Protein backbone atom coordinates (compact mmCIF):
# COMPACT_ATOMS: atom_id res chain seq x y z
CA MET A 1 -6.52 -7.20 -17.58
CA THR A 2 -3.21 -5.92 -17.82
CA ASN A 3 -0.99 -3.31 -15.56
CA THR A 4 0.27 -1.50 -18.80
CA THR A 5 1.72 0.82 -15.91
CA PRO A 6 4.72 -0.65 -13.78
CA LEU A 7 4.20 -0.34 -10.28
CA SER A 8 6.78 2.64 -8.55
CA PRO A 9 9.71 0.14 -6.73
CA ALA A 10 7.44 0.90 -3.62
CA ALA A 11 4.32 -1.10 -4.41
CA GLN A 12 6.00 -3.23 -6.18
CA ALA A 13 7.45 -4.27 -3.15
CA VAL A 14 4.80 -4.64 -1.06
CA VAL A 15 2.77 -6.62 -3.86
CA ASP A 16 6.08 -9.07 -3.79
CA ALA A 17 5.88 -9.36 -0.66
CA SER A 18 2.22 -10.16 0.01
CA LEU A 19 2.70 -12.48 -3.47
CA ALA A 20 5.49 -14.43 -1.93
CA VAL A 21 3.14 -15.10 1.81
CA TYR A 22 -0.68 -15.06 -0.24
CA TRP A 23 -1.95 -15.78 -3.28
CA ARG A 24 -4.56 -18.15 -4.44
CA PRO A 25 -4.88 -17.44 -8.18
CA VAL A 26 -8.20 -19.61 -8.81
CA ILE A 27 -9.67 -16.48 -6.26
CA ASP A 28 -7.79 -13.71 -6.91
CA THR A 29 -7.50 -11.71 -9.10
CA PRO A 30 -4.41 -9.25 -9.76
CA VAL A 31 -6.33 -6.49 -9.10
CA PHE A 32 -8.74 -7.88 -6.70
CA HIS A 33 -5.05 -8.31 -4.56
CA ASN A 34 -4.33 -4.53 -4.88
CA LYS A 35 -7.18 -3.57 -3.39
CA SER A 36 -6.90 -5.60 -0.92
CA ILE A 37 -3.23 -4.40 -0.16
CA ALA A 38 -4.46 -1.13 -0.97
CA ALA A 39 -7.13 -0.84 1.68
CA ALA A 40 -4.35 -2.58 4.15
CA LEU A 41 -1.94 0.01 3.59
CA ARG A 42 -4.51 2.61 3.97
CA ALA A 43 -5.73 0.66 7.55
CA ALA A 44 -2.08 0.97 8.94
CA ALA A 45 -2.32 4.17 8.01
CA ASP A 46 -4.61 5.49 10.28
CA GLN A 47 -2.58 3.50 12.76
CA VAL A 48 0.24 5.91 12.30
CA VAL A 49 -1.04 8.67 14.88
CA PRO A 50 1.82 11.67 15.45
CA HIS A 51 2.82 12.46 18.88
CA PRO A 52 1.71 15.86 19.44
CA ASP A 53 4.69 17.23 21.86
CA GLN A 54 7.21 16.07 20.12
CA PRO A 55 7.29 18.20 16.57
CA ASP A 56 10.10 15.87 15.13
CA LYS A 57 7.96 12.57 15.64
CA ALA A 58 5.02 14.29 14.57
CA ARG A 59 6.88 14.81 11.02
CA LEU A 60 8.22 11.58 10.89
CA GLY A 61 4.84 9.96 11.25
CA MET A 62 2.79 12.37 8.36
CA GLY A 63 5.59 10.95 5.85
CA ILE A 64 5.21 8.13 7.28
CA ARG A 65 1.37 7.61 7.11
CA TRP A 66 1.41 10.00 3.24
CA LYS A 67 3.89 6.89 2.05
CA LEU A 68 1.79 4.64 3.38
CA LEU A 69 -1.50 6.82 1.54
CA ALA A 70 0.94 6.62 -1.88
CA ILE A 71 1.20 3.06 -2.25
CA ALA A 72 -1.85 2.63 -1.86
CA ALA A 73 -3.83 4.99 -4.14
CA GLU A 74 -1.34 3.64 -6.10
CA LEU A 75 -2.49 0.29 -6.08
CA GLU A 76 -6.14 1.40 -6.20
CA GLY A 77 -5.49 2.81 -9.86
CA ALA A 78 -3.46 0.04 -10.50
CA ASP A 79 -5.57 -2.53 -13.66
CA GLY A 80 -4.17 -5.49 -12.25
């Protein structure tokens, strides 16, 4: 199955970086690969913990978290 909608530059950069170091075409399909990357991004987003005593850093942490989650959601919705 091919993806009819191109990925955003951010999501494509994540996929490209992953493929540069890891790809097993016999086992992995683009859909499986994208979902694996999305799971890793969600785990990373869960590690972005805002500092409650530093509001500027809290906002920065939440911004990073939302960007990671947006890329993960895009990859999960991609056809492959």
